[in-house]
Amino acid sequence: QEQLVESGGGLVQAGGSLRLSCTASIRPFNNYAMGWFRQAPGKERDFVAAISWSGRITYSADSVKGRFTISRDNAKNTVYLQMNSLKLEDTAVYYCAAAITTPQTMARMADGPMGYWGQGTQVTVSS
């Protein structure tokens, strides 16, 4: 079954760090741009970051630039989101996504026809 499985979420204090992982069973993994989105309670799902199939191109939301870094390991079929300097407003369910597109186009696909979505992992930042 083709799917995306996220891990690494949890509870962290403001200013702390977390690393999310998303392991994909989609094939071939390196055909897909990968991305992270998030949805806070009562809000719409928003784009966080995306990375091209090769890993050479990344694109991030302004709200996380300089704090979050997306990367991928095609040998492990895994994409990562390193989150540093976490803020209270980063609290959300984080979703992994895959699509055959560019990172910039993926940024506009929060409600669009994404190829695959993960089930989500909760990130809670406390004061």
PDB file of N, CA and C in Angstrom:
ATOM      1  N   GLN A   1       0.846  -1.188   0.000  1.00  0.00           N
ATOM      2  CA  GLN A   1       0.000   0.000   0.000  1.00  0.00           C
ATOM      3  C   GLN A   1       0.880   1.236   0.000  1.00  0.00           C
ATOM      4  N   GLU A   2       0.637   2.119  -0.935  1.00  0.00           N
ATOM      5  CA  GLU A   2       1.436   3.333  -1.018  1.00  0.00           C
ATOM      6  C   GLU A   2       0.961   4.319   0.033  1.00  0.00           C
ATOM      7  N   GLN A   3       1.887   4.813   0.846  1.00  0.00           N
ATOM      8  CA  GLN A   3       1.506   5.731   1.901  1.00  0.00           C
ATOM      9  C   GLN A   3       2.707   6.526   2.390  1.00  0.00           C
ATOM     10  N   LEU A   4       2.389   7.564   3.170  1.00  0.00           N
ATOM     11  CA  LEU A   4       3.384   8.387   3.835  1.00  0.00           C
ATOM     12  C   LEU A   4       3.146   8.258   5.334  1.00  0.00           C
ATOM     13  N   VAL A   5       4.205   8.047   6.089  1.00  0.00           N
ATOM     14  CA  VAL A   5       4.075   7.882   7.540  1.00  0.00           C
ATOM     15  C   VAL A   5       4.997   8.869   8.234  1.00  0.00           C
ATOM     16  N   GLU A   6       4.392   9.791   8.986  1.00  0.00           N
ATOM     17  CA  GLU A   6       5.159  10.796   9.725  1.00  0.00           C
ATOM     18  C   GLU A   6       5.510  10.292  11.119  1.00  0.00           C
ATOM     19  N   SER A   7       6.589  10.821  11.651  1.00  0.00           N
ATOM     20  CA  SER A   7       6.980  10.557  13.030  1.00  0.00           C
ATOM     21  C   SER A   7       7.809  11.723  13.540  1.00  0.00           C
ATOM     22  N   GLY A   8       8.001  11.758  14.866  1.00  0.00           N
ATOM     23  CA  GLY A   8       8.872  12.769  15.453  1.00  0.00           C
ATOM     24  C   GLY A   8       8.164  13.917  16.132  1.00  0.00           C
ATOM     25  N   GLY A   9       6.845  13.944  16.054  1.00  0.00           N
ATOM     26  CA  GLY A   9       6.125  15.013  16.727  1.00  0.00           C
ATOM     27  C   GLY A   9       6.171  14.831  18.236  1.00  0.00           C
ATOM     28  N   GLY A  10       5.699  15.839  18.947  1.00  0.00           N
ATOM     29  CA  GLY A  10       5.679  15.756  20.403  1.00  0.00           C
ATOM     30  C   GLY A  10       5.508  17.095  21.050  1.00  0.00           C
ATOM     31  N   LEU A  11       5.804  17.142  22.345  1.00  0.00           N
ATOM     32  CA  LEU A  11       5.691  18.353  23.142  1.00  0.00           C
ATOM     33  C   LEU A  11       7.086  18.915  23.377  1.00  0.00           C
ATOM     34  N   VAL A  12       7.237  20.204  23.121  1.00  0.00           N
ATOM     35  CA  VAL A  12       8.537  20.853  23.280  1.00  0.00           C
ATOM     36  C   VAL A  12       8.317  22.271  23.811  1.00  0.00           C
ATOM     37  N   GLN A  13       9.262  22.762  24.557  1.00  0.00           N
ATOM     38  CA  GLN A  13       9.166  24.129  25.065  1.00  0.00           C
ATOM     39  C   GLN A  13       9.534  25.134  23.983  1.00  0.00           C
ATOM     40  N   ALA A  14       8.989  26.310  24.106  1.00  0.00           N
ATOM     41  CA  ALA A  14       9.336  27.376  23.168  1.00  0.00           C
ATOM     42  C   ALA A  14      10.846  27.589  23.157  1.00  0.00           C
ATOM     43  N   GLY A  15      11.382  27.744  21.962  1.00  0.00           N
ATOM     44  CA  GLY A  15      12.819  27.878  21.788  1.00  0.00           C
ATOM     45  C   GLY A  15      13.525  26.568  21.523  1.00  0.00           C
ATOM     46  N   GLY A  16      12.824  25.473  21.717  1.00  0.00           N
ATOM     47  CA  GLY A  16      13.405  24.155  21.514  1.00  0.00           C
ATOM     48  C   GLY A  16      13.358  23.701  20.066  1.00  0.00           C
ATOM     49  N   SER A  17      13.747  22.432  19.860  1.00  0.00           N
ATOM     50  CA  SER A  17      13.850  21.872  18.522  1.00  0.00           C
ATOM     51  C   SER A  17      13.165  20.512  18.449  1.00  0.00           C
ATOM     52  N   LEU A  18      12.712  20.192  17.255  1.00  0.00           N
ATOM     53  CA  LEU A  18      12.188  18.866  16.939  1.00  0.00           C
ATOM     54  C   LEU A  18      12.573  18.537  15.506  1.00  0.00           C
ATOM     55  N   ARG A  19      12.687  17.258  15.214  1.00  0.00           N
ATOM     56  CA  ARG A  19      12.882  16.834  13.826  1.00  0.00           C
ATOM     57  C   ARG A  19      11.784  15.848  13.456  1.00  0.00           C
ATOM     58  N   LEU A  20      11.031  16.226  12.451  1.00  0.00           N
ATOM     59  CA  LEU A  20       9.999  15.343  11.916  1.00  0.00           C
ATOM     60  C   LEU A  20      10.583  14.510  10.778  1.00  0.00           C
ATOM     61  N   SER A  21      10.083  13.296  10.667  1.00  0.00           N
ATOM     62  CA  SER A  21      10.465  12.416   9.573  1.00  0.00           C
ATOM     63  C   SER A  21       9.205  11.928   8.868  1.00  0.00           C
ATOM     64  N   CYS A  22       9.345  11.679   7.591  1.00  0.00           N
ATOM     65  CA  CYS A  22       8.243  11.118   6.805  1.00  0.00           C
ATOM     66  C   CYS A  22       8.844  10.051   5.901  1.00  0.00           C
ATOM     67  N   THR A  23       8.436   8.817   6.116  1.00  0.00           N
ATOM     68  CA  THR A  23       8.921   7.715   5.304  1.00  0.00           C
ATOM     69  C   THR A  23       7.837   7.325   4.311  1.00  0.00           C
ATOM     70  N   ALA A  24       8.234   7.214   3.055  1.00  0.00           N
ATOM     71  CA  ALA A  24       7.282   6.986   1.981  1.00  0.00           C
ATOM     72  C   ALA A  24       7.441   5.593   1.393  1.00  0.00           C
ATOM     73  N   SER A  25       6.301   4.989   1.096  1.00  0.00           N
ATOM     74  CA  SER A  25       6.334   3.700   0.404  1.00  0.00           C
ATOM     75  C   SER A  25       5.887   3.870  -1.045  1.00  0.00           C
ATOM     76  N   ILE A  26       5.872   5.125  -1.510  1.00  0.00           N
ATOM     77  CA  ILE A  26       5.516   5.392  -2.894  1.00  0.00           C
ATOM     78  C   ILE A  26       6.747   5.131  -3.771  1.00  0.00           C
ATOM     79  N   ARG A  27       6.504   4.693  -4.977  1.00  0.00           N
ATOM     80  CA  ARG A  27       7.603   4.347  -5.885  1.00  0.00           C
ATOM     81  C   ARG A  27       7.354   4.960  -7.259  1.00  0.00           C
ATOM     82  N   PRO A  28       8.368   5.467  -7.937  1.00  0.00           N
ATOM     83  CA  PRO A  28       9.684   5.717  -7.364  1.00  0.00           C
ATOM     84  C   PRO A  28       9.698   7.003  -6.554  1.00  0.00           C
ATOM     85  N   PHE A  29      10.258   6.925  -5.345  1.00  0.00           N
ATOM     86  CA  PHE A  29      10.246   8.068  -4.425  1.00  0.00           C
ATOM     87  C   PHE A  29      10.889   9.297  -5.048  1.00  0.00           C
ATOM     88  N   ASN A  30      11.953   9.104  -5.805  1.00  0.00           N
ATOM     89  CA  ASN A  30      12.660  10.272  -6.325  1.00  0.00           C
ATOM     90  C   ASN A  30      11.996  10.861  -7.563  1.00  0.00           C
ATOM     91  N   ASN A  31      10.759  10.474  -7.863  1.00  0.00           N
ATOM     92  CA  ASN A  31       9.957  11.181  -8.859  1.00  0.00           C
ATOM     93  C   ASN A  31       9.170  12.322  -8.236  1.00  0.00           C
ATOM     94  N   TYR A  32       9.084  12.319  -6.904  1.00  0.00           N
ATOM     95  CA  TYR A  32       8.157  13.188  -6.210  1.00  0.00           C
ATOM     96  C   TYR A  32       8.853  14.339  -5.486  1.00  0.00           C
ATOM     97  N   ALA A  33       8.286  15.539  -5.634  1.00  0.00           N
ATOM     98  CA  ALA A  33       8.586  16.594  -4.684  1.00  0.00           C
ATOM     99  C   ALA A  33       7.883  16.231  -3.378  1.00  0.00           C
ATOM    100  N   MET A  34       8.511  16.594  -2.279  1.00  0.00           N
ATOM    101  CA  MET A  34       7.952  16.302  -0.963  1.00  0.00           C
ATOM    102  C   MET A  34       7.755  17.612  -0.204  1.00  0.00           C
ATOM    103  N   GLY A  35       6.742  17.621   0.638  1.00  0.00           N
ATOM    104  CA  GLY A  35       6.474  18.850   1.370  1.00  0.00           C
ATOM    105  C   GLY A  35       5.905  18.592   2.750  1.00  0.00           C
ATOM    106  N   TRP A  36       5.907  19.664   3.529  1.00  0.00           N
ATOM    107  CA  TRP A  36       5.284  19.658   4.854  1.00  0.00           C
ATOM    108  C   TRP A  36       4.255  20.780   4.907  1.00  0.00           C
ATOM    109  N   PHE A  37       3.116  20.453   5.469  1.00  0.00           N
ATOM    110  CA  PHE A  37       2.043  21.405   5.706  1.00  0.00           C
ATOM    111  C   PHE A  37       1.644  21.280   7.172  1.00  0.00           C
ATOM    112  N   ARG A  38       0.907  22.260   7.665  1.00  0.00           N
ATOM    113  CA  ARG A  38       0.441  22.172   9.050  1.00  0.00           C
ATOM    114  C   ARG A  38      -0.939  22.780   9.181  1.00  0.00           C
ATOM    115  N   GLN A  39      -1.640  22.292  10.193  1.00  0.00           N
ATOM    116  CA  GLN A  39      -2.985  22.799  10.461  1.00  0.00           C
ATOM    117  C   GLN A  39      -3.150  22.982  11.957  1.00  0.00           C
ATOM    118  N   ALA A  40      -3.337  24.223  12.349  1.00  0.00           N
ATOM    119  CA  ALA A  40      -3.587  24.553  13.746  1.00  0.00           C
ATOM    120  C   ALA A  40      -5.075  24.435  14.028  1.00  0.00           C
ATOM    121  N   PRO A  41      -5.454  24.263  15.294  1.00  0.00           N
ATOM    122  CA  PRO A  41      -6.870  24.118  15.635  1.00  0.00           C
ATOM    123  C   PRO A  41      -7.691  25.297  15.140  1.00  0.00           C
ATOM    124  N   GLY A  42      -8.768  25.008  14.439  1.00  0.00           N
ATOM    125  CA  GLY A  42      -9.660  26.048  13.966  1.00  0.00           C
ATOM    126  C   GLY A  42      -9.161  26.827  12.763  1.00  0.00           C
ATOM    127  N   LYS A  43      -8.042  26.394  12.195  1.00  0.00           N
ATOM    128  CA  LYS A  43      -7.473  27.108  11.051  1.00  0.00           C
ATOM    129  C   LYS A  43      -7.347  26.185   9.839  1.00  0.00           C
ATOM    130  N   GLU A  44      -7.120  26.804   8.688  1.00  0.00           N
ATOM    131  CA  GLU A  44      -6.920  26.033   7.478  1.00  0.00           C
ATOM    132  C   GLU A  44      -5.512  25.441   7.455  1.00  0.00           C
ATOM    133  N   ARG A  45      -5.346  24.452   6.632  1.00  0.00           N
ATOM    134  CA  ARG A  45      -4.027  23.850   6.448  1.00  0.00           C
ATOM    135  C   ARG A  45      -3.135  24.808   5.655  1.00  0.00           C
ATOM    136  N   ASP A  46      -1.914  24.994   6.130  1.00  0.00           N
ATOM    137  CA  ASP A  46      -0.980  25.937   5.512  1.00  0.00           C
ATOM    138  C   ASP A  46       0.296  25.229   5.074  1.00  0.00           C
ATOM    139  N   PHE A  47       0.906  25.787   4.057  1.00  0.00           N
ATOM    140  CA  PHE A  47       2.186  25.302   3.564  1.00  0.00           C
ATOM    141  C   PHE A  47       3.293  25.659   4.550  1.00  0.00           C
ATOM    142  N   VAL A  48       4.254  24.724   4.710  1.00  0.00           N
ATOM    143  CA  VAL A  48       5.421  24.985   5.563  1.00  0.00           C
ATOM    144  C   VAL A  48       6.700  24.999   4.724  1.00  0.00           C
ATOM    145  N   ALA A  49       6.973  23.885   4.044  1.00  0.00           N
ATOM    146  CA  ALA A  49       8.212  23.789   3.264  1.00  0.00           C
ATOM    147  C   ALA A  49       8.075  22.657   2.252  1.00  0.00           C
ATOM    148  N   ALA A  50       8.849  22.758   1.166  1.00  0.00           N
ATOM    149  CA  ALA A  50       8.852  21.709   0.148  1.00  0.00           C
ATOM    150  C   ALA A  50      10.252  21.563  -0.433  1.00  0.00           C
ATOM    151  N   ILE A  51      10.492  20.393  -1.022  1.00  0.00           N
ATOM    152  CA  ILE A  51      11.809  20.092  -1.575  1.00  0.00           C
ATOM    153  C   ILE A  51      11.631  19.329  -2.883  1.00  0.00           C
ATOM    154  N   SER A  52      12.472  19.649  -3.858  1.00  0.00           N
ATOM    155  CA  SER A  52      12.374  19.006  -5.161  1.00  0.00           C
ATOM    156  C   SER A  52      12.786  17.537  -5.086  1.00  0.00           C
ATOM    157  N   TRP A  53      12.510  16.800  -6.157  1.00  0.00           N
ATOM    158  CA  TRP A  53      12.808  15.365  -6.163  1.00  0.00           C
ATOM    159  C   TRP A  53      14.290  15.101  -5.929  1.00  0.00           C
ATOM    160  N   SER A  54      15.142  16.011  -6.419  1.00  0.00           N
ATOM    161  CA  SER A  54      16.582  15.813  -6.284  1.00  0.00           C
ATOM    162  C   SER A  54      17.123  16.302  -4.955  1.00  0.00           C
ATOM    163  N   GLY A  55      16.352  17.143  -4.285  1.00  0.00           N
ATOM    164  CA  GLY A  55      16.831  17.751  -3.051  1.00  0.00           C
ATOM    165  C   GLY A  55      17.577  19.051  -3.265  1.00  0.00           C
ATOM    166  N   ARG A  56      17.755  19.463  -4.515  1.00  0.00           N
ATOM    167  CA  ARG A  56      18.557  20.663  -4.783  1.00  0.00           C
ATOM    168  C   ARG A  56      17.781  21.961  -4.611  1.00  0.00           C
ATOM    169  N   ILE A  57      16.462  21.872  -4.690  1.00  0.00           N
ATOM    170  CA  ILE A  57      15.635  23.074  -4.586  1.00  0.00           C
ATOM    171  C   ILE A  57      14.707  22.932  -3.384  1.00  0.00           C
ATOM    172  N   THR A  58      14.710  23.945  -2.533  1.00  0.00           N
ATOM    173  CA  THR A  58      13.777  23.991  -1.414  1.00  0.00           C
ATOM    174  C   THR A  58      13.011  25.295  -1.448  1.00  0.00           C
ATOM    175  N   TYR A  59      11.887  25.288  -0.798  1.00  0.00           N
ATOM    176  CA  TYR A  59      11.011  26.468  -0.758  1.00  0.00           C
ATOM    177  C   TYR A  59      10.289  26.431   0.569  1.00  0.00           C
ATOM    178  N   SER A  60      10.293  27.573   1.270  1.00  0.00           N
ATOM    179  CA  SER A  60       9.715  27.598   2.614  1.00  0.00           C
ATOM    180  C   SER A  60       8.777  28.782   2.773  1.00  0.00           C
ATOM    181  N   ALA A  61       7.833  28.629   3.668  1.00  0.00           N
ATOM    182  CA  ALA A  61       6.967  29.741   4.029  1.00  0.00           C
ATOM    183  C   ALA A  61       7.779  30.785   4.786  1.00  0.00           C
ATOM    184  N   ASP A  62       7.397  32.040   4.618  1.00  0.00           N
ATOM    185  CA  ASP A  62       8.124  33.128   5.288  1.00  0.00           C
ATOM    186  C   ASP A  62       8.133  32.951   6.807  1.00  0.00           C
ATOM    187  N   SER A  63       7.062  32.378   7.333  1.00  0.00           N
ATOM    188  CA  SER A  63       6.928  32.248   8.786  1.00  0.00           C
ATOM    189  C   SER A  63       7.952  31.290   9.396  1.00  0.00           C
ATOM    190  N   VAL A  64       8.569  30.434   8.580  1.00  0.00           N
ATOM    191  CA  VAL A  64       9.511  29.457   9.124  1.00  0.00           C
ATOM    192  C   VAL A  64      10.926  29.625   8.573  1.00  0.00           C
ATOM    193  N   LYS A  65      11.119  30.564   7.665  1.00  0.00           N
ATOM    194  CA  LYS A  65      12.454  30.761   7.097  1.00  0.00           C
ATOM    195  C   LYS A  65      13.457  31.113   8.176  1.00  0.00           C
ATOM    196  N   GLY A  66      14.615  30.468   8.098  1.00  0.00           N
ATOM    197  CA  GLY A  66      15.650  30.694   9.098  1.00  0.00           C
ATOM    198  C   GLY A  66      15.497  29.841  10.336  1.00  0.00           C
ATOM    199  N   ARG A  67      14.365  29.163  10.477  1.00  0.00           N
ATOM    200  CA  ARG A  67      14.134  28.312  11.654  1.00  0.00           C
ATOM    201  C   ARG A  67      13.941  26.850  11.272  1.00  0.00           C
ATOM    202  N   PHE A  68      13.233  26.590  10.172  1.00  0.00           N
ATOM    203  CA  PHE A  68      12.939  25.225   9.742  1.00  0.00           C
ATOM    204  C   PHE A  68      13.761  24.898   8.494  1.00  0.00           C
ATOM    205  N   THR A  69      14.209  23.645   8.414  1.00  0.00           N
ATOM    206  CA  THR A  69      14.959  23.184   7.252  1.00  0.00           C
ATOM    207  C   THR A  69      14.387  21.856   6.773  1.00  0.00           C
ATOM    208  N   ILE A  70      14.071  21.795   5.489  1.00  0.00           N
ATOM    209  CA  ILE A  70      13.588  20.554   4.903  1.00  0.00           C
ATOM    210  C   ILE A  70      14.744  19.875   4.167  1.00  0.00           C
ATOM    211  N   SER A  71      14.791  18.562   4.256  1.00  0.00           N
ATOM    212  CA  SER A  71      15.816  17.792   3.559  1.00  0.00           C
ATOM    213  C   SER A  71      15.242  16.421   3.225  1.00  0.00           C
ATOM    214  N   ARG A  72      15.954  15.688   2.378  1.00  0.00           N
ATOM    215  CA  ARG A  72      15.481  14.352   2.019  1.00  0.00           C
ATOM    216  C   ARG A  72      16.660  13.417   1.806  1.00  0.00           C
ATOM    217  N   ASP A  73      16.393  12.140   2.009  1.00  0.00           N
ATOM    218  CA  ASP A  73      17.362  11.082   1.745  1.00  0.00           C
ATOM    219  C   ASP A  73      16.664  10.080   0.828  1.00  0.00           C
ATOM    220  N   ASN A  74      16.962  10.157  -0.457  1.00  0.00           N
ATOM    221  CA  ASN A  74      16.267   9.299  -1.413  1.00  0.00           C
ATOM    222  C   ASN A  74      16.625   7.831  -1.239  1.00  0.00           C
ATOM    223  N   ALA A  75      17.776   7.558  -0.678  1.00  0.00           N
ATOM    224  CA  ALA A  75      18.154   6.168  -0.422  1.00  0.00           C
ATOM    225  C   ALA A  75      17.285   5.550   0.672  1.00  0.00           C
ATOM    226  N   LYS A  76      16.734   6.397   1.538  1.00  0.00           N
ATOM    227  CA  LYS A  76      15.895   5.917   2.649  1.00  0.00           C
ATOM    228  C   LYS A  76      14.419   6.234   2.432  1.00  0.00           C
ATOM    229  N   ASN A  77      14.092   6.809   1.281  1.00  0.00           N
ATOM    230  CA  ASN A  77      12.697   7.189   0.992  1.00  0.00           C
ATOM    231  C   ASN A  77      12.108   8.046   2.108  1.00  0.00           C
ATOM    232  N   THR A  78      12.903   8.976   2.596  1.00  0.00           N
ATOM    233  CA  THR A  78      12.504   9.749   3.769  1.00  0.00           C
ATOM    234  C   THR A  78      12.767  11.237   3.547  1.00  0.00           C
ATOM    235  N   VAL A  79      11.841  12.037   4.035  1.00  0.00           N
ATOM    236  CA  VAL A  79      12.002  13.493   4.053  1.00  0.00           C
ATOM    237  C   VAL A  79      11.947  13.945   5.506  1.00  0.00           C
ATOM    238  N   TYR A  80      12.711  14.985   5.803  1.00  0.00           N
ATOM    239  CA  TYR A  80      12.828  15.478   7.169  1.00  0.00           C
ATOM    240  C   TYR A  80      12.426  16.943   7.246  1.00  0.00           C
ATOM    241  N   LEU A  81      11.995  17.338   8.438  1.00  0.00           N
ATOM    242  CA  LEU A  81      11.779  18.754   8.725  1.00  0.00           C
ATOM    243  C   LEU A  81      12.439  19.041  10.067  1.00  0.00           C
ATOM    244  N   GLN A  82      13.564  19.714  10.018  1.00  0.00           N
ATOM    245  CA  GLN A  82      14.248  20.133  11.237  1.00  0.00           C
ATOM    246  C   GLN A  82      13.671  21.461  11.673  1.00  0.00           C
ATOM    247  N   MET A  83      13.121  21.501  12.873  1.00  0.00           N
ATOM    248  CA  MET A  83      12.456  22.692  13.373  1.00  0.00           C
ATOM    249  C   MET A  83      13.224  23.213  14.588  1.00  0.00           C
ATOM    250  N   ASN A  84      13.776  24.392  14.460  1.00  0.00           N
ATOM    251  CA  ASN A  84      14.516  25.029  15.543  1.00  0.00           C
ATOM    252  C   ASN A  84      13.804  26.307  15.990  1.00  0.00           C
ATOM    253  N   SER A  85      14.179  26.792  17.149  1.00  0.00           N
ATOM    254  CA  SER A  85      13.612  28.041  17.681  1.00  0.00           C
ATOM    255  C   SER A  85      12.093  28.022  17.606  1.00  0.00           C
ATOM    256  N   LEU A  86      11.513  26.957  18.077  1.00  0.00           N
ATOM    257  CA  LEU A  86      10.065  26.791  17.966  1.00  0.00           C
ATOM    258  C   LEU A  86       9.323  27.836  18.770  1.00  0.00           C
ATOM    259  N   LYS A  87       8.193  28.255  18.212  1.00  0.00           N
ATOM    260  CA  LYS A  87       7.344  29.265  18.840  1.00  0.00           C
ATOM    261  C   LYS A  87       5.980  28.647  19.162  1.00  0.00           C
ATOM    262  N   LEU A  88       5.263  29.325  20.039  1.00  0.00           N
ATOM    263  CA  LEU A  88       3.926  28.839  20.406  1.00  0.00           C
ATOM    264  C   LEU A  88       3.054  28.674  19.154  1.00  0.00           C
ATOM    265  N   GLU A  89       3.203  29.602  18.221  1.00  0.00           N
ATOM    266  CA  GLU A  89       2.351  29.580  17.028  1.00  0.00           C
ATOM    267  C   GLU A  89       2.725  28.464  16.042  1.00  0.00           C
ATOM    268  N   ASP A  90       3.776  27.711  16.329  1.00  0.00           N
ATOM    269  CA  ASP A  90       4.104  26.552  15.502  1.00  0.00           C
ATOM    270  C   ASP A  90       3.287  25.326  15.901  1.00  0.00           C
ATOM    271  N   THR A  91       2.536  25.430  16.975  1.00  0.00           N
ATOM    272  CA  THR A  91       1.697  24.310  17.408  1.00  0.00           C
ATOM    273  C   THR A  91       0.671  23.971  16.336  1.00  0.00           C
ATOM    274  N   ALA A  92       0.664  22.714  15.900  1.00  0.00           N
ATOM    275  CA  ALA A  92      -0.223  22.283  14.818  1.00  0.00           C
ATOM    276  C   ALA A  92      -0.042  20.792  14.587  1.00  0.00           C
ATOM    277  N   VAL A  93      -0.934  20.243  13.785  1.00  0.00           N
ATOM    278  CA  VAL A  93      -0.703  18.919  13.218  1.00  0.00           C
ATOM    279  C   VAL A  93       0.077  19.115  11.927  1.00  0.00           C
ATOM    280  N   TYR A  94       1.184  18.413  11.811  1.00  0.00           N
ATOM    281  CA  TYR A  94       2.054  18.547  10.642  1.00  0.00           C
ATOM    282  C   TYR A  94       1.836  17.350   9.717  1.00  0.00           C
ATOM    283  N   TYR A  95       1.627  17.678   8.439  1.00  0.00           N
ATOM    284  CA  TYR A  95       1.342  16.654   7.436  1.00  0.00           C
ATOM    285  C   TYR A  95       2.450  16.615   6.387  1.00  0.00           C
ATOM    286  N   CYS A  96       2.832  15.422   6.037  1.00  0.00           N
ATOM    287  CA  CYS A  96       3.754  15.188   4.942  1.00  0.00           C
ATOM    288  C   CYS A  96       2.941  15.032   3.657  1.00  0.00           C
ATOM    289  N   ALA A  97       3.519  15.476   2.539  1.00  0.00           N
ATOM    290  CA  ALA A  97       2.816  15.397   1.268  1.00  0.00           C
ATOM    291  C   ALA A  97       3.793  15.064   0.154  1.00  0.00           C
ATOM    292  N   ALA A  98       3.262  14.463  -0.901  1.00  0.00           N
ATOM    293  CA  ALA A  98       4.065  14.115  -2.069  1.00  0.00           C
ATOM    294  C   ALA A  98       3.290  14.433  -3.333  1.00  0.00           C
ATOM    295  N   ALA A  99       3.988  14.977  -4.316  1.00  0.00           N
ATOM    296  CA  ALA A  99       3.349  15.277  -5.600  1.00  0.00           C
ATOM    297  C   ALA A  99       4.426  15.369  -6.676  1.00  0.00           C
ATOM    298  N   ILE A 100       4.041  15.085  -7.901  1.00  0.00           N
ATOM    299  CA  ILE A 100       4.970  15.244  -9.028  1.00  0.00           C
ATOM    300  C   ILE A 100       4.787  16.658  -9.546  1.00  0.00           C
ATOM    301  N   THR A 101       5.552  17.559  -8.946  1.00  0.00           N
ATOM    302  CA  THR A 101       5.437  18.977  -9.245  1.00  0.00           C
ATOM    303  C   THR A 101       6.715  19.664  -8.750  1.00  0.00           C
ATOM    304  N   THR A 102       6.692  20.993  -8.751  1.00  0.00           N
ATOM    305  CA  THR A 102       7.826  21.745  -8.217  1.00  0.00           C
ATOM    306  C   THR A 102       7.524  22.171  -6.787  1.00  0.00           C
ATOM    307  N   PRO A 103       8.554  22.481  -6.003  1.00  0.00           N
ATOM    308  CA  PRO A 103       8.300  22.958  -4.643  1.00  0.00           C
ATOM    309  C   PRO A 103       7.433  24.213  -4.609  1.00  0.00           C
ATOM    310  N   GLN A 104       7.656  25.117  -5.530  1.00  0.00           N
ATOM    311  CA  GLN A 104       6.878  26.359  -5.544  1.00  0.00           C
ATOM    312  C   GLN A 104       5.410  26.079  -5.839  1.00  0.00           C
ATOM    313  N   THR A 105       5.126  25.168  -6.736  1.00  0.00           N
ATOM    314  CA  THR A 105       3.731  24.814  -7.031  1.00  0.00           C
ATOM    315  C   THR A 105       3.112  24.052  -5.857  1.00  0.00           C
ATOM    316  N   MET A 106       3.885  23.203  -5.228  1.00  0.00           N
ATOM    317  CA  MET A 106       3.372  22.468  -4.078  1.00  0.00           C
ATOM    318  C   MET A 106       2.929  23.431  -2.974  1.00  0.00           C
ATOM    319  N   ALA A 107       3.584  24.544  -2.857  1.00  0.00           N
ATOM    320  CA  ALA A 107       3.228  25.524  -1.830  1.00  0.00           C
ATOM    321  C   ALA A 107       1.795  26.012  -1.974  1.00  0.00           C
ATOM    322  N   ARG A 108       1.216  25.919  -3.160  1.00  0.00           N
ATOM    323  CA  ARG A 108      -0.149  26.385  -3.400  1.00  0.00           C
ATOM    324  C   ARG A 108      -1.165  25.252  -3.355  1.00  0.00           C
ATOM    325  N   MET A 109      -0.738  24.075  -2.911  1.00  0.00           N
ATOM    326  CA  MET A 109      -1.603  22.894  -2.998  1.00  0.00           C
ATOM    327  C   MET A 109      -2.130  22.424  -1.645  1.00  0.00           C
ATOM    328  N   ALA A 110      -2.230  23.316  -0.684  1.00  0.00           N
ATOM    329  CA  ALA A 110      -2.712  22.914   0.640  1.00  0.00           C
ATOM    330  C   ALA A 110      -4.101  22.280   0.555  1.00  0.00           C
ATOM    331  N   ASP A 111      -4.920  22.774  -0.371  1.00  0.00           N
ATOM    332  CA  ASP A 111      -6.268  22.227  -0.537  1.00  0.00           C
ATOM    333  C   ASP A 111      -6.437  21.592  -1.912  1.00  0.00           C
ATOM    334  N   GLY A 112      -5.320  21.428  -2.609  1.00  0.00           N
ATOM    335  CA  GLY A 112      -5.409  20.966  -3.984  1.00  0.00           C
ATOM    336  C   GLY A 112      -5.239  19.473  -4.131  1.00  0.00           C
ATOM    337  N   PRO A 113      -5.136  19.039  -5.371  1.00  0.00           N
ATOM    338  CA  PRO A 113      -5.042  17.596  -5.672  1.00  0.00           C
ATOM    339  C   PRO A 113      -3.642  17.045  -5.426  1.00  0.00           C
ATOM    340  N   MET A 114      -3.269  16.894  -4.173  1.00  0.00           N
ATOM    341  CA  MET A 114      -1.975  16.339  -3.812  1.00  0.00           C
ATOM    342  C   MET A 114      -1.937  14.854  -4.162  1.00  0.00           C
ATOM    343  N   GLY A 115      -0.754  14.390  -4.519  1.00  0.00           N
ATOM    344  CA  GLY A 115      -0.629  12.972  -4.842  1.00  0.00           C
ATOM    345  C   GLY A 115      -0.904  12.094  -3.625  1.00  0.00           C
ATOM    346  N   TYR A 116      -0.206  12.424  -2.534  1.00  0.00           N
ATOM    347  CA  TYR A 116      -0.337  11.649  -1.304  1.00  0.00           C
ATOM    348  C   TYR A 116      -0.251  12.578  -0.102  1.00  0.00           C
ATOM    349  N   TRP A 117      -1.009  12.234   0.938  1.00  0.00           N
ATOM    350  CA  TRP A 117      -0.931  12.898   2.243  1.00  0.00           C
ATOM    351  C   TRP A 117      -0.620  11.857   3.303  1.00  0.00           C
ATOM    352  N   GLY A 118       0.158  12.275   4.302  1.00  0.00           N
ATOM    353  CA  GLY A 118       0.331  11.437   5.479  1.00  0.00           C
ATOM    354  C   GLY A 118      -0.823  11.638   6.445  1.00  0.00           C
ATOM    355  N   GLN A 119      -0.777  10.919   7.533  1.00  0.00           N
ATOM    356  CA  GLN A 119      -1.873  10.975   8.507  1.00  0.00           C
ATOM    357  C   GLN A 119      -1.704  12.117   9.502  1.00  0.00           C
ATOM    358  N   GLY A 120      -0.518  12.696   9.557  1.00  0.00           N
ATOM    359  CA  GLY A 120      -0.263  13.836  10.430  1.00  0.00           C
ATOM    360  C   GLY A 120       0.401  13.441  11.735  1.00  0.00           C
ATOM    361  N   THR A 121       1.191  14.373  12.270  1.00  0.00           N
ATOM    362  CA  THR A 121       1.818  14.189  13.581  1.00  0.00           C
ATOM    363  C   THR A 121       1.688  15.495  14.363  1.00  0.00           C
ATOM    364  N   GLN A 122       1.330  15.388  15.629  1.00  0.00           N
ATOM    365  CA  GLN A 122       1.064  16.575  16.440  1.00  0.00           C
ATOM    366  C   GLN A 122       2.369  17.166  16.958  1.00  0.00           C
ATOM    367  N   VAL A 123       2.503  18.467  16.808  1.00  0.00           N
ATOM    368  CA  VAL A 123       3.588  19.224  17.410  1.00  0.00           C
ATOM    369  C   VAL A 123       2.962  20.260  18.332  1.00  0.00           C
ATOM    370  N   THR A 124       3.334  20.225  19.597  1.00  0.00           N
ATOM    371  CA  THR A 124       2.819  21.165  20.573  1.00  0.00           C
ATOM    372  C   THR A 124       3.983  21.899  21.213  1.00  0.00           C
ATOM    373  N   VAL A 125       3.945  23.219  21.113  1.00  0.00           N
ATOM    374  CA  VAL A 125       4.988  24.054  21.698  1.00  0.00           C
ATOM    375  C   VAL A 125       4.400  24.745  22.924  1.00  0.00           C
ATOM    376  N   SER A 126       5.053  24.571  24.053  1.00  0.00           N
ATOM    377  CA  SER A 126       4.553  25.141  25.307  1.00  0.00           C
ATOM    378  C   SER A 126       5.450  26.279  25.765  1.00  0.00           C
ATOM    379  N   SER A 127       4.860  27.135  26.595  1.00  0.00           N
ATOM    380  CA  SER A 127       5.626  28.290  27.103  1.00  0.00           C
ATOM    381  C   SER A 127       6.414  27.937  28.351  1.00  0.00           C
TER     382      SER A 127
END
